[in-house]
PDB file of N, CA and C in Angstrom:
ATOM      1  N   MET A   1      61.405 114.563 106.234  1.00  0.00           N
ATOM      2  CA  MET A   1      62.124 115.782 105.970  1.00  0.00           C
ATOM      3  C   MET A   1      62.834 116.277 107.226  1.00  0.00           C
ATOM      4  N   CYS A   2      63.510 115.373 107.905  1.00  0.00           N
ATOM      5  CA  CYS A   2      64.283 115.752 109.079  1.00  0.00           C
ATOM      6  C   CYS A   2      65.666 116.213 108.635  1.00  0.00           C
ATOM      7  N   PHE A   3      66.278 117.075 109.412  1.00  0.00           N
ATOM      8  CA  PHE A   3      67.528 117.707 109.015  1.00  0.00           C
ATOM      9  C   PHE A   3      68.712 117.123 109.784  1.00  0.00           C
ATOM     10  N   PHE A   4      69.781 116.847 109.036  1.00  0.00           N
ATOM     11  CA  PHE A   4      70.998 116.261 109.577  1.00  0.00           C
ATOM     12  C   PHE A   4      72.199 117.058 109.092  1.00  0.00           C
ATOM     13  N   GLU A   5      73.279 116.967 109.864  1.00  0.00           N
ATOM     14  CA  GLU A   5      74.533 117.529 109.394  1.00  0.00           C
ATOM     15  C   GLU A   5      75.124 116.569 108.364  1.00  0.00           C
ATOM     16  N   GLN A   6      75.968 117.108 107.509  1.00  0.00           N
ATOM     17  CA  GLN A   6      76.640 116.294 106.503  1.00  0.00           C
ATOM     18  C   GLN A   6      78.132 116.641 106.525  1.00  0.00           C
ATOM     19  N   THR A   7      78.975 115.625 106.472  1.00  0.00           N
ATOM     20  CA  THR A   7      80.420 115.840 106.393  1.00  0.00           C
ATOM     21  C   THR A   7      80.861 115.483 104.986  1.00  0.00           C
ATOM     22  N   ARG A   8      81.589 116.390 104.339  1.00  0.00           N
ATOM     23  CA  ARG A   8      82.085 116.154 102.978  1.00  0.00           C
ATOM     24  C   ARG A   8      83.584 116.374 102.976  1.00  0.00           C
ATOM     25  N   TRP A   9      84.313 115.364 102.449  1.00  0.00           N
ATOM     26  CA  TRP A   9      85.762 115.447 102.368  1.00  0.00           C
ATOM     27  C   TRP A   9      86.190 115.999 101.019  1.00  0.00           C
ATOM     28  N   ARG A  10      87.481 116.345 100.923  1.00  0.00           N
ATOM     29  CA  ARG A  10      88.035 116.953  99.720  1.00  0.00           C
ATOM     30  C   ARG A  10      87.854 116.061  98.495  1.00  0.00           C
ATOM     31  N   CYS A  11      87.874 114.748  98.680  1.00  0.00           N
ATOM     32  CA  CYS A  11      87.762 113.809  97.561  1.00  0.00           C
ATOM     33  C   CYS A  11      86.331 113.668  97.052  1.00  0.00           C
ATOM     34  N   GLY A  12      85.359 114.239  97.750  1.00  0.00           N
ATOM     35  CA  GLY A  12      83.962 114.145  97.341  1.00  0.00           C
ATOM     36  C   GLY A  12      83.156 113.150  98.161  1.00  0.00           C
ATOM     37  N   PHE A  13      83.814 112.317  98.939  1.00  0.00           N
ATOM     38  CA  PHE A  13      83.145 111.357  99.805  1.00  0.00           C
ATOM     39  C   PHE A  13      82.375 112.114 100.880  1.00  0.00           C
ATOM     40  N   TRP A  14      81.208 111.601 101.276  1.00  0.00           N
ATOM     41  CA  TRP A  14      80.411 112.280 102.300  1.00  0.00           C
ATOM     42  C   TRP A  14      79.719 111.251 103.177  1.00  0.00           C
ATOM     43  N   ARG A  15      79.239 111.704 104.308  1.00  0.00           N
ATOM     44  CA  ARG A  15      78.442 110.859 105.204  1.00  0.00           C
ATOM     45  C   ARG A  15      77.480 111.738 105.985  1.00  0.00           C
ATOM     46  N   TRP A  16      76.420 111.123 106.461  1.00  0.00           N
ATOM     47  CA  TRP A  16      75.469 111.839 107.306  1.00  0.00           C
ATOM     48  C   TRP A  16      76.067 112.015 108.682  1.00  0.00           C
ATOM     49  N   GLY A  17      75.756 113.124 109.296  1.00  0.00           N
ATOM     50  CA  GLY A  17      76.258 113.421 110.636  1.00  0.00           C
ATOM     51  C   GLY A  17      75.136 113.370 111.658  1.00  0.00           C
ATOM     52  N   LEU A  18      75.190 114.279 112.590  1.00  0.00           N
ATOM     53  CA  LEU A  18      74.245 114.307 113.698  1.00  0.00           C
ATOM     54  C   LEU A  18      72.873 114.828 113.272  1.00  0.00           C
ATOM     55  N   PHE A  19      71.851 114.324 113.941  1.00  0.00           N
ATOM     56  CA  PHE A  19      70.484 114.804 113.758  1.00  0.00           C
ATOM     57  C   PHE A  19      70.394 116.214 114.320  1.00  0.00           C
ATOM     58  N   ARG A  20      69.801 117.166 113.566  1.00  0.00           N
ATOM     59  CA  ARG A  20      69.752 118.548 114.019  1.00  0.00           C
ATOM     60  C   ARG A  20      68.344 119.095 114.241  1.00  0.00           C
ATOM     61  N   GLU A  21      67.414 118.754 113.365  1.00  0.00           N
ATOM     62  CA  GLU A  21      66.093 119.366 113.506  1.00  0.00           C
ATOM     63  C   GLU A  21      65.016 118.395 113.032  1.00  0.00           C
ATOM     64  N   GLN A  22      63.951 118.323 113.786  1.00  0.00           N
ATOM     65  CA  GLN A  22      62.855 117.426 113.464  1.00  0.00           C
ATOM     66  C   GLN A  22      61.826 118.154 112.617  1.00  0.00           C
ATOM     67  N   CYS A  23      61.281 117.441 111.647  1.00  0.00           N
ATOM     68  CA  CYS A  23      60.261 118.065 110.805  1.00  0.00           C
ATOM     69  C   CYS A  23      58.892 117.970 111.496  1.00  0.00           C
ATOM     70  N   ASN A  24      57.918 118.640 110.940  1.00  0.00           N
ATOM     71  CA  ASN A  24      56.586 118.658 111.552  1.00  0.00           C
ATOM     72  C   ASN A  24      55.776 117.397 111.217  1.00  0.00           C
ATOM     73  N   LYS A  25      56.263 116.516 110.349  1.00  0.00           N
ATOM     74  CA  LYS A  25      55.549 115.276 110.038  1.00  0.00           C
ATOM     75  C   LYS A  25      55.722 114.229 111.128  1.00  0.00           C
ATOM     76  N   GLU A  26      56.797 114.319 111.874  1.00  0.00           N
ATOM     77  CA  GLU A  26      57.069 113.351 112.932  1.00  0.00           C
ATOM     78  C   GLU A  26      56.794 114.008 114.278  1.00  0.00           C
ATOM     79  N   TYR A  27      55.846 113.458 115.022  1.00  0.00           N
ATOM     80  CA  TYR A  27      55.434 114.065 116.282  1.00  0.00           C
ATOM     81  C   TYR A  27      56.098 113.420 117.493  1.00  0.00           C
ATOM     82  N   ARG A  28      56.687 112.222 117.339  1.00  0.00           N
ATOM     83  CA  ARG A  28      57.298 111.536 118.483  1.00  0.00           C
ATOM     84  C   ARG A  28      58.710 112.071 118.712  1.00  0.00           C
ATOM     85  N   MET A  29      59.040 112.307 119.970  1.00  0.00           N
ATOM     86  CA  MET A  29      60.366 112.825 120.316  1.00  0.00           C
ATOM     87  C   MET A  29      61.436 111.770 120.022  1.00  0.00           C
ATOM     88  N   GLY A  30      62.529 112.197 119.419  1.00  0.00           N
ATOM     89  CA  GLY A  30      63.641 111.298 119.153  1.00  0.00           C
ATOM     90  C   GLY A  30      63.485 110.464 117.902  1.00  0.00           C
ATOM     91  N   GLU A  31      62.360 110.544 117.247  1.00  0.00           N
ATOM     92  CA  GLU A  31      62.119 109.771 116.029  1.00  0.00           C
ATOM     93  C   GLU A  31      62.286 110.673 114.810  1.00  0.00           C
ATOM     94  N   THR A  32      62.610 110.067 113.681  1.00  0.00           N
ATOM     95  CA  THR A  32      62.723 110.817 112.431  1.00  0.00           C
ATOM     96  C   THR A  32      61.746 110.236 111.425  1.00  0.00           C
ATOM     97  N   CYS A  33      61.399 111.038 110.447  1.00  0.00           N
ATOM     98  CA  CYS A  33      60.425 110.595 109.452  1.00  0.00           C
ATOM     99  C   CYS A  33      61.048 109.704 108.380  1.00  0.00           C
ATOM    100  N   GLY A  34      62.367 109.682 108.272  1.00  0.00           N
ATOM    101  CA  GLY A  34      63.028 108.837 107.286  1.00  0.00           C
ATOM    102  C   GLY A  34      63.603 109.609 106.109  1.00  0.00           C
ATOM    103  N   LEU A  35      63.117 110.809 105.879  1.00  0.00           N
ATOM    104  CA  LEU A  35      63.670 111.641 104.813  1.00  0.00           C
ATOM    105  C   LEU A  35      64.763 112.520 105.404  1.00  0.00           C
ATOM    106  N   LYS A  36      65.935 112.513 104.768  1.00  0.00           N
ATOM    107  CA  LYS A  36      67.060 113.280 105.300  1.00  0.00           C
ATOM    108  C   LYS A  36      67.350 114.473 104.407  1.00  0.00           C
ATOM    109  N   PHE A  37      67.406 115.630 105.037  1.00  0.00           N
ATOM    110  CA  PHE A  37      67.829 116.854 104.362  1.00  0.00           C
ATOM    111  C   PHE A  37      69.054 117.397 105.071  1.00  0.00           C
ATOM    112  N   VAL A  38      69.864 118.127 104.318  1.00  0.00           N
ATOM    113  CA  VAL A  38      71.102 118.671 104.872  1.00  0.00           C
ATOM    114  C   VAL A  38      70.790 119.947 105.647  1.00  0.00           C
ATOM    115  N   TYR A  39      71.160 119.941 106.915  1.00  0.00           N
ATOM    116  CA  TYR A  39      71.023 121.128 107.755  1.00  0.00           C
ATOM    117  C   TYR A  39      72.253 122.010 107.591  1.00  0.00           C
ATOM    118  N   ASN A  40      73.429 121.375 107.603  1.00  0.00           N
ATOM    119  CA  ASN A  40      74.685 122.095 107.481  1.00  0.00           C
ATOM    120  C   ASN A  40      75.722 121.126 106.912  1.00  0.00           C
ATOM    121  N   THR A  41      76.583 121.603 106.016  1.00  0.00           N
ATOM    122  CA  THR A  41      77.651 120.777 105.463  1.00  0.00           C
ATOM    123  C   THR A  41      78.971 121.207 106.075  1.00  0.00           C
ATOM    124  N   ILE A  42      79.669 120.237 106.626  1.00  0.00           N
ATOM    125  CA  ILE A  42      80.989 120.476 107.207  1.00  0.00           C
ATOM    126  C   ILE A  42      82.010 119.984 106.193  1.00  0.00           C
ATOM    127  N   ASN A  43      82.789 120.907 105.632  1.00  0.00           N
ATOM    128  CA  ASN A  43      83.802 120.546 104.651  1.00  0.00           C
ATOM    129  C   ASN A  43      85.115 120.237 105.349  1.00  0.00           C
ATOM    130  N   GLU A  44      85.592 119.012 105.152  1.00  0.00           N
ATOM    131  CA  GLU A  44      86.872 118.586 105.719  1.00  0.00           C
ATOM    132  C   GLU A  44      87.957 118.803 104.673  1.00  0.00           C
ATOM    133  N   PRO A  45      89.071 119.435 105.030  1.00  0.00           N
ATOM    134  CA  PRO A  45      90.129 119.701 104.054  1.00  0.00           C
ATOM    135  C   PRO A  45      90.938 118.461 103.682  1.00  0.00           C
ATOM    136  N   ASP A  46      90.872 117.412 104.480  1.00  0.00           N
ATOM    137  CA  ASP A  46      91.641 116.198 104.239  1.00  0.00           C
ATOM    138  C   ASP A  46      90.826 115.214 103.391  1.00  0.00           C
ATOM    139  N   VAL A  47      91.459 114.126 102.953  1.00  0.00           N
ATOM    140  CA  VAL A  47      90.734 113.088 102.224  1.00  0.00           C
ATOM    141  C   VAL A  47      90.116 112.123 103.230  1.00  0.00           C
ATOM    142  N   CYS A  48      89.198 111.313 102.780  1.00  0.00           N
ATOM    143  CA  CYS A  48      88.469 110.396 103.667  1.00  0.00           C
ATOM    144  C   CYS A  48      89.319 109.188 104.044  1.00  0.00           C
ATOM    145  N   LYS A  49      88.804 108.381 104.950  1.00  0.00           N
ATOM    146  CA  LYS A  49      89.512 107.198 105.423  1.00  0.00           C
ATOM    147  C   LYS A  49      89.691 106.189 104.294  1.00  0.00           C
ATOM    148  N   MET A  50      88.724 106.064 103.415  1.00  0.00           N
ATOM    149  CA  MET A  50      88.861 105.121 102.300  1.00  0.00           C
ATOM    150  C   MET A  50      90.021 105.522 101.393  1.00  0.00           C
ATOM    151  N   CYS A  51      90.181 106.818 101.132  1.00  0.00           N
ATOM    152  CA  CYS A  51      91.303 107.295 100.305  1.00  0.00           C
ATOM    153  C   CYS A  51      92.633 107.011 100.997  1.00  0.00           C
ATOM    154  N   LYS A  52      92.665 107.193 102.316  1.00  0.00           N
ATOM    155  CA  LYS A  52      93.887 106.899 103.061  1.00  0.00           C
ATOM    156  C   LYS A  52      94.227 105.415 102.981  1.00  0.00           C
ATOM    157  N   ASP A  53      93.202 104.557 103.082  1.00  0.00           N
ATOM    158  CA  ASP A  53      93.429 103.117 102.961  1.00  0.00           C
ATOM    159  C   ASP A  53      93.928 102.747 101.560  1.00  0.00           C
ATOM    160  N   ILE A  54      93.357 103.375 100.542  1.00  0.00           N
ATOM    161  CA  ILE A  54      93.795 103.117  99.171  1.00  0.00           C
ATOM    162  C   ILE A  54      95.243 103.563  98.992  1.00  0.00           C
ATOM    163  N   ASP A  55      95.616 104.702  99.561  1.00  0.00           N
ATOM    164  CA  ASP A  55      97.002 105.174  99.478  1.00  0.00           C
ATOM    165  C   ASP A  55      97.969 104.197 100.152  1.00  0.00           C
ATOM    166  N   LYS A  56      97.549 103.637 101.295  1.00  0.00           N
ATOM    167  CA  LYS A  56      98.388 102.643 101.968  1.00  0.00           C
ATOM    168  C   LYS A  56      98.610 101.435 101.075  1.00  0.00           C
ATOM    169  N   LYS A  57      97.543 100.975 100.434  1.00  0.00           N
ATOM    170  CA  LYS A  57      97.658  99.818  99.540  1.00  0.00           C
ATOM    171  C   LYS A  57      98.539 100.144  98.333  1.00  0.00           C
ATOM    172  N   ARG A  58      98.465 101.358  97.825  1.00  0.00           N
ATOM    173  CA  ARG A  58      99.319 101.743  96.695  1.00  0.00           C
ATOM    174  C   ARG A  58     100.788 101.779  97.104  1.00  0.00           C
ATOM    175  N   ARG A  59     101.069 102.224  98.325  1.00  0.00           N
ATOM    176  CA  ARG A  59     102.449 102.206  98.808  1.00  0.00           C
ATOM    177  C   ARG A  59     102.948 100.769  98.947  1.00  0.00           C
ATOM    178  N   LYS A  60     102.079  99.887  99.440  1.00  0.00           N
ATOM    179  CA  LYS A  60     102.457  98.480  99.554  1.00  0.00           C
ATOM    180  C   LYS A  60     102.693  97.881  98.173  1.00  0.00           C
ATOM    181  N   GLU A  61     101.851  98.242  97.210  1.00  0.00           N
ATOM    182  CA  GLU A  61     102.022  97.768  95.836  1.00  0.00           C
ATOM    183  C   GLU A  61     103.373  98.216  95.274  1.00  0.00           C
ATOM    184  N   ALA A  62     103.738  99.469  95.488  1.00  0.00           N
ATOM    185  CA  ALA A  62     105.013  99.986  94.993  1.00  0.00           C
ATOM    186  C   ALA A  62     106.191  99.268  95.653  1.00  0.00           C
ATOM    187  N   LYS A  63     106.087  98.995  96.951  1.00  0.00           N
ATOM    188  CA  LYS A  63     107.166  98.298  97.644  1.00  0.00           C
ATOM    189  C   LYS A  63     107.318  96.876  97.127  1.00  0.00           C
ATOM    190  N   LEU A  64     106.197  96.166  96.966  1.00  0.00           N
ATOM    191  CA  LEU A  64     106.270  94.805  96.437  1.00  0.00           C
ATOM    192  C   LEU A  64     106.870  94.799  95.035  1.00  0.00           C
ATOM    193  N   ASP A  65     106.468  95.754  94.228  1.00  0.00           N
ATOM    194  CA  ASP A  65     106.984  95.837  92.868  1.00  0.00           C
ATOM    195  C   ASP A  65     108.497  96.080  92.865  1.00  0.00           C
ATOM    196  N   SER A  66     108.967  96.983  93.715  1.00  0.00           N
ATOM    197  CA  SER A  66     110.414  97.248  93.773  1.00  0.00           C
ATOM    198  C   SER A  66     111.169  96.042  94.344  1.00  0.00           C
ATOM    199  N   ASP A  67     110.567  95.336  95.312  1.00  0.00           N
ATOM    200  CA  ASP A  67     111.195  94.128  95.854  1.00  0.00           C
ATOM    201  C   ASP A  67     111.342  93.064  94.771  1.00  0.00           C
ATOM    202  N   ILE A  68     110.296  92.864  93.985  1.00  0.00           N
ATOM    203  CA  ILE A  68     110.342  91.864  92.909  1.00  0.00           C
ATOM    204  C   ILE A  68     111.442  92.206  91.911  1.00  0.00           C
ATOM    205  N   ARG A  69     111.527  93.484  91.534  1.00  0.00           N
ATOM    206  CA  ARG A  69     112.575  93.889  90.580  1.00  0.00           C
ATOM    207  C   ARG A  69     113.967  93.694  91.177  1.00  0.00           C
ATOM    208  N   ARG A  70     114.120  94.004  92.452  1.00  0.00           N
ATOM    209  CA  ARG A  70     115.418  93.829  93.112  1.00  0.00           C
ATOM    210  C   ARG A  70     115.784  92.351  93.214  1.00  0.00           C
ATOM    211  N   TRP A  71     114.802  91.513  93.609  1.00  0.00           N
ATOM    212  CA  TRP A  71     115.062  90.090  93.761  1.00  0.00           C
ATOM    213  C   TRP A  71     115.312  89.412  92.419  1.00  0.00           C
ATOM    214  N   ALA A  72     114.755  89.943  91.346  1.00  0.00           N
ATOM    215  CA  ALA A  72     114.967  89.348  90.027  1.00  0.00           C
ATOM    216  C   ALA A  72     116.433  89.464  89.620  1.00  0.00           C
ATOM    217  N   ARG A  73     117.121  90.481  90.100  1.00  0.00           N
ATOM    218  CA  ARG A  73     118.543  90.646  89.788  1.00  0.00           C
ATOM    219  C   ARG A  73     119.413  89.696  90.614  1.00  0.00           C
ATOM    220  N   GLU A  74     118.881  89.250  91.753  1.00  0.00           N
ATOM    221  CA  GLU A  74     119.637  88.355  92.621  1.00  0.00           C
ATOM    222  C   GLU A  74     119.325  86.902  92.262  1.00  0.00           C
ATOM    223  N   THR A  75     120.168  85.997  92.739  1.00  0.00           N
ATOM    224  CA  THR A  75     119.898  84.577  92.517  1.00  0.00           C
ATOM    225  C   THR A  75     119.307  83.988  93.786  1.00  0.00           C
ATOM    226  N   ASN A  76     118.694  82.839  93.645  1.00  0.00           N
ATOM    227  CA  ASN A  76     118.142  82.100  94.789  1.00  0.00           C
ATOM    228  C   ASN A  76     116.974  82.828  95.471  1.00  0.00           C
ATOM    229  N   ARG A  77     116.183  83.556  94.726  1.00  0.00           N
ATOM    230  CA  ARG A  77     115.054  84.284  95.314  1.00  0.00           C
ATOM    231  C   ARG A  77     113.728  83.906  94.661  1.00  0.00           C
ATOM    232  N   SER A  78     113.664  82.753  94.034  1.00  0.00           N
ATOM    233  CA  SER A  78     112.450  82.402  93.278  1.00  0.00           C
ATOM    234  C   SER A  78     111.227  82.255  94.186  1.00  0.00           C
ATOM    235  N   ALA A  79     111.395  81.695  95.379  1.00  0.00           N
ATOM    236  CA  ALA A  79     110.257  81.535  96.292  1.00  0.00           C
ATOM    237  C   ALA A  79     109.754  82.898  96.773  1.00  0.00           C
ATOM    238  N   SER A  80     110.687  83.803  97.053  1.00  0.00           N
ATOM    239  CA  SER A  80     110.288  85.145  97.491  1.00  0.00           C
ATOM    240  C   SER A  80     109.547  85.884  96.384  1.00  0.00           C
ATOM    241  N   ILE A  81     110.028  85.713  95.162  1.00  0.00           N
ATOM    242  CA  ILE A  81     109.383  86.371  94.019  1.00  0.00           C
ATOM    243  C   ILE A  81     107.986  85.818  93.800  1.00  0.00           C
ATOM    244  N   GLU A  82     107.826  84.508  93.926  1.00  0.00           N
ATOM    245  CA  GLU A  82     106.498  83.902  93.765  1.00  0.00           C
ATOM    246  C   GLU A  82     105.518  84.436  94.802  1.00  0.00           C
ATOM    247  N   LYS A  83     105.962  84.456  96.056  1.00  0.00           N
ATOM    248  CA  LYS A  83     105.082  84.952  97.126  1.00  0.00           C
ATOM    249  C   LYS A  83     104.750  86.428  96.915  1.00  0.00           C
ATOM    250  N   ALA A  84     105.751  87.217  96.549  1.00  0.00           N
ATOM    251  CA  ALA A  84     105.521  88.644  96.322  1.00  0.00           C
ATOM    252  C   ALA A  84     104.570  88.858  95.145  1.00  0.00           C
ATOM    253  N   ASN A  85     104.680  88.040  94.106  1.00  0.00           N
ATOM    254  CA  ASN A  85     103.756  88.155  92.966  1.00  0.00           C
ATOM    255  C   ASN A  85     102.317  87.833  93.382  1.00  0.00           C
ATOM    256  N   ARG A  86     102.150  86.813  94.230  1.00  0.00           N
ATOM    257  CA  ARG A  86     100.805  86.494  94.734  1.00  0.00           C
ATOM    258  C   ARG A  86     100.256  87.654  95.570  1.00  0.00           C
ATOM    259  N   ASP A  87     101.108  88.175  96.455  1.00  0.00           N
ATOM    260  CA  ASP A  87     100.703  89.302  97.298  1.00  0.00           C
ATOM    261  C   ASP A  87     100.378  90.534  96.454  1.00  0.00           C
ATOM    262  N   LEU A  88     101.185  90.779  95.430  1.00  0.00           N
ATOM    263  CA  LEU A  88     100.980  91.930  94.558  1.00  0.00           C
ATOM    264  C   LEU A  88      99.643  91.830  93.829  1.00  0.00           C
ATOM    265  N   LYS A  89      99.325  90.638  93.344  1.00  0.00           N
ATOM    266  CA  LYS A  89      98.041  90.433  92.663  1.00  0.00           C
ATOM    267  C   LYS A  89      96.873  90.693  93.623  1.00  0.00           C
ATOM    268  N   GLU A  90      97.021  90.198  94.844  1.00  0.00           N
ATOM    269  CA  GLU A  90      95.974  90.393  95.851  1.00  0.00           C
ATOM    270  C   GLU A  90      95.808  91.871  96.201  1.00  0.00           C
ATOM    271  N   VAL A  91      96.922  92.575  96.381  1.00  0.00           N
ATOM    272  CA  VAL A  91      96.879  94.002  96.722  1.00  0.00           C
ATOM    273  C   VAL A  91      96.232  94.797  95.591  1.00  0.00           C
ATOM    274  N   ARG A  92      96.571  94.471  94.352  1.00  0.00           N
ATOM    275  CA  ARG A  92      95.977  95.175  93.216  1.00  0.00           C
ATOM    276  C   ARG A  92      94.473  94.951  93.139  1.00  0.00           C
ATOM    277  N   ASN A  93      94.022  93.736  93.439  1.00  0.00           N
ATOM    278  CA  ASN A  93      92.580  93.467  93.463  1.00  0.00           C
ATOM    279  C   ASN A  93      91.880  94.266  94.556  1.00  0.00           C
ATOM    280  N   VAL A  94      92.518  94.373  95.724  1.00  0.00           N
ATOM    281  CA  VAL A  94      91.939  95.149  96.826  1.00  0.00           C
ATOM    282  C   VAL A  94      91.869  96.624  96.453  1.00  0.00           C
ATOM    283  N   ILE A  95      92.915  97.134  95.798  1.00  0.00           N
ATOM    284  CA  ILE A  95      92.917  98.538  95.373  1.00  0.00           C
ATOM    285  C   ILE A  95      91.763  98.802  94.413  1.00  0.00           C
ATOM    286  N   ILE A  96      91.584  97.923  93.442  1.00  0.00           N
ATOM    287  CA  ILE A  96      90.492  98.085  92.471  1.00  0.00           C
ATOM    288  C   ILE A  96      89.147  98.055  93.178  1.00  0.00           C
ATOM    289  N   GLU A  97      88.984  97.099  94.097  1.00  0.00           N
ATOM    290  CA  GLU A  97      87.715  96.965  94.823  1.00  0.00           C
ATOM    291  C   GLU A  97      87.417  98.187  95.688  1.00  0.00           C
ATOM    292  N   LYS A  98      88.410  98.647  96.445  1.00  0.00           N
ATOM    293  CA  LYS A  98      88.208  99.805  97.318  1.00  0.00           C
ATOM    294  C   LYS A  98      87.957 101.076  96.509  1.00  0.00           C
ATOM    295  N   THR A  99      88.670 101.229  95.402  1.00  0.00           N
ATOM    296  CA  THR A  99      88.465 102.402  94.555  1.00  0.00           C
ATOM    297  C   THR A  99      87.056 102.406  93.979  1.00  0.00           C
ATOM    298  N   GLN A 100      86.593 101.241  93.525  1.00  0.00           N
ATOM    299  CA  GLN A 100      85.233 101.140  92.983  1.00  0.00           C
ATOM    300  C   GLN A 100      84.193 101.448  94.057  1.00  0.00           C
ATOM    301  N   ASP A 101      84.395 100.909  95.265  1.00  0.00           N
ATOM    302  CA  ASP A 101      83.471 101.198  96.369  1.00  0.00           C
ATOM    303  C   ASP A 101      83.438 102.688  96.678  1.00  0.00           C
ATOM    304  N   HIS A 102      84.607 103.311  96.671  1.00  0.00           N
ATOM    305  CA  HIS A 102      84.696 104.740  96.967  1.00  0.00           C
ATOM    306  C   HIS A 102      83.905 105.553  95.939  1.00  0.00           C
ATOM    307  N   TRP A 103      84.128 105.288  94.659  1.00  0.00           N
ATOM    308  CA  TRP A 103      83.451 106.078  93.621  1.00  0.00           C
ATOM    309  C   TRP A 103      81.972 105.735  93.516  1.00  0.00           C
ATOM    310  N   ASP A 104      81.576 104.526  93.907  1.00  0.00           N
ATOM    311  CA  ASP A 104      80.151 104.194  93.959  1.00  0.00           C
ATOM    312  C   ASP A 104      79.452 105.066  94.998  1.00  0.00           C
ATOM    313  N   ILE A 105      80.125 105.315  96.118  1.00  0.00           N
ATOM    314  CA  ILE A 105      79.526 106.156  97.156  1.00  0.00           C
ATOM    315  C   ILE A 105      79.534 107.624  96.736  1.00  0.00           C
ATOM    316  N   VAL A 106      80.639 108.068  96.134  1.00  0.00           N
ATOM    317  CA  VAL A 106      80.757 109.470  95.751  1.00  0.00           C
ATOM    318  C   VAL A 106      79.762 109.829  94.655  1.00  0.00           C
ATOM    319  N   TYR A 107      79.704 109.001  93.619  1.00  0.00           N
ATOM    320  CA  TYR A 107      78.848 109.310  92.463  1.00  0.00           C
ATOM    321  C   TYR A 107      77.550 108.521  92.439  1.00  0.00           C
ATOM    322  N   GLY A 108      77.387 107.589  93.330  1.00  0.00           N
ATOM    323  CA  GLY A 108      76.198 106.760  93.354  1.00  0.00           C
ATOM    324  C   GLY A 108      76.308 105.645  92.338  1.00  0.00           C
ATOM    325  N   SER A 109      75.909 104.447  92.716  1.00  0.00           N
ATOM    326  CA  SER A 109      76.013 103.326  91.785  1.00  0.00           C
ATOM    327  C   SER A 109      74.855 103.384  90.789  1.00  0.00           C
ATOM    328  N   VAL A 110      75.168 103.041  89.579  1.00  0.00           N
ATOM    329  CA  VAL A 110      74.186 103.113  88.494  1.00  0.00           C
ATOM    330  C   VAL A 110      73.622 101.756  88.234  1.00  0.00           C
TER     331      VAL A 110
END
């Protein structure tokens, strides 16, 4: 039952912060009993780093999609379109994976 700070972002993501107070079950200095309680919650007005990374991937997805549409109107771009389609598929998989990881942390995995 040791107390720690907690940081919570606007998106609901949170993490443990600094150790603040030792409980009476642990007598050794600098050691914790293993149970964590919130001493203070620091609310961050911005979104977390994972959300920022997901936003970057979504921007890349939009750019690849617009490039593919633009290249489809042009001739002699089949190799570029193939590569962009592979990249787009990969980016979409990363977005799905990162989003799932984010919500598993926010809501807890079932």
